[in-house]
Structures are given as structure tokens and as C-alpha cells.
């Protein structure tokens, strides 16, 4: 994993001018991907935390009744 990170850093630092063209639609596409990823990640963590707290509170309710 360490070598992969070093390789990626090297590849981004060692790049010369590419003279590439990015059309105007690329920015909106990147924005859509970023916003969609953030929303999906937020929902995933909300759902995972909800399940975790539901199980832990259920466990402690069972333990306290005994």
C-alpha cells in the first residue's frame, strides 16, 4: 500500500504539460460524481450507525431486564 501511494505521488508530480482539452461538460460531470459519492457515503454511514445503535441499545435493554 505504501508503494502504491508513492507510485501515485510520483505519477502526479512527474507529469509534464499535457496540453489536453477538457470540454465544458466535464466540470459538471465531475461535480455530479462528487456530490453523488458524498450523498451515497452519507446514507451508508447513517444506515450503518443506525443499525449499530439499534443493536447496542437492544443488547443493553436485554441485559438491564435480567
Protein backbone atom coordinates (compact mmCIF):
# COMPACT_ATOMS: atom_id res chain seq x y z
CA UNK A 1 0.00 0.00 0.00
CA UNK A 2 2.89 2.31 0.82
CA UNK A 3 4.45 1.64 -2.57
CA UNK A 4 1.17 2.30 -4.35
CA UNK A 5 0.84 5.67 -2.63
CA UNK A 6 4.43 6.56 -3.54
CA UNK A 7 3.82 5.50 -7.14
CA UNK A 8 0.71 7.67 -7.39
CA UNK A 9 2.53 10.66 -5.92
CA UNK A 10 5.38 10.15 -8.38
CA UNK A 11 3.00 9.88 -11.33
CA UNK A 12 1.21 13.11 -10.42
CA UNK A 13 4.41 15.04 -9.71
CA UNK A 14 6.41 13.82 -12.71
CA UNK A 15 3.79 14.75 -15.31
CA UNK A 16 4.87 17.27 -17.91
CA UNK A 17 2.45 19.60 -19.68
CA UNK A 18 -0.18 17.52 -21.42
CA UNK A 19 -1.91 20.25 -23.47
CA UNK A 20 -5.18 18.36 -23.04
CA UNK A 21 -8.62 19.77 -23.71
CA UNK A 22 -11.43 19.48 -21.19
CA UNK A 23 -14.81 20.30 -22.67
CA UNK A 24 -17.32 22.32 -20.62
CA UNK A 25 -19.39 19.24 -19.75
CA UNK A 26 -16.51 17.65 -17.87
CA UNK A 27 -16.79 20.02 -14.91
CA UNK A 28 -20.47 19.29 -14.39
CA UNK A 29 -19.82 15.55 -14.69
CA UNK A 30 -17.09 15.70 -12.05
CA UNK A 31 -19.40 17.73 -9.80
CA UNK A 32 -22.18 15.15 -10.22
CA UNK A 33 -19.81 12.31 -9.32
CA UNK A 34 -18.52 14.12 -6.22
CA UNK A 35 -22.00 15.09 -4.97
CA UNK A 36 -23.38 11.61 -5.66
CA UNK A 37 -20.47 9.98 -3.85
CA UNK A 38 -20.90 12.25 -0.83
CA UNK A 39 -24.63 11.57 -0.64
CA UNK A 40 -24.17 7.81 -1.04
CA UNK A 41 -21.43 7.78 1.60
CA UNK A 42 -23.55 9.82 3.98
CA UNK A 43 -26.50 7.49 3.57
CA UNK A 44 -24.27 4.43 4.04
CA UNK A 45 -22.80 5.75 7.29
CA UNK A 46 -26.20 6.92 8.55
CA UNK A 47 -27.64 3.49 7.88
CA UNK A 48 -24.66 1.65 9.38
CA UNK A 49 -24.65 3.82 12.51
CA UNK A 50 -28.41 3.40 12.87
CA UNK A 51 -28.12 -0.38 12.77
CA UNK A 52 -25.19 -0.30 15.22
CA UNK A 53 -27.05 1.85 17.77
CA UNK A 54 -30.21 -0.21 17.37
CA UNK A 55 -28.31 -3.41 18.15
CA UNK A 56 -26.38 -1.92 21.08
CA UNK A 57 -29.46 -0.35 22.69
CA UNK A 58 -31.34 -3.61 22.21
CA UNK A 59 -28.49 -5.50 23.86
CA UNK A 60 -28.37 -3.16 26.85
CA UNK A 61 -32.15 -3.29 27.24
CA UNK A 62 -31.97 -7.10 27.36
CA UNK A 63 -29.11 -7.01 29.88
CA UNK A 64 -30.84 -4.48 32.14
CA UNK A 65 -34.07 -6.56 32.25
CA UNK A 66 -32.28 -9.63 33.62
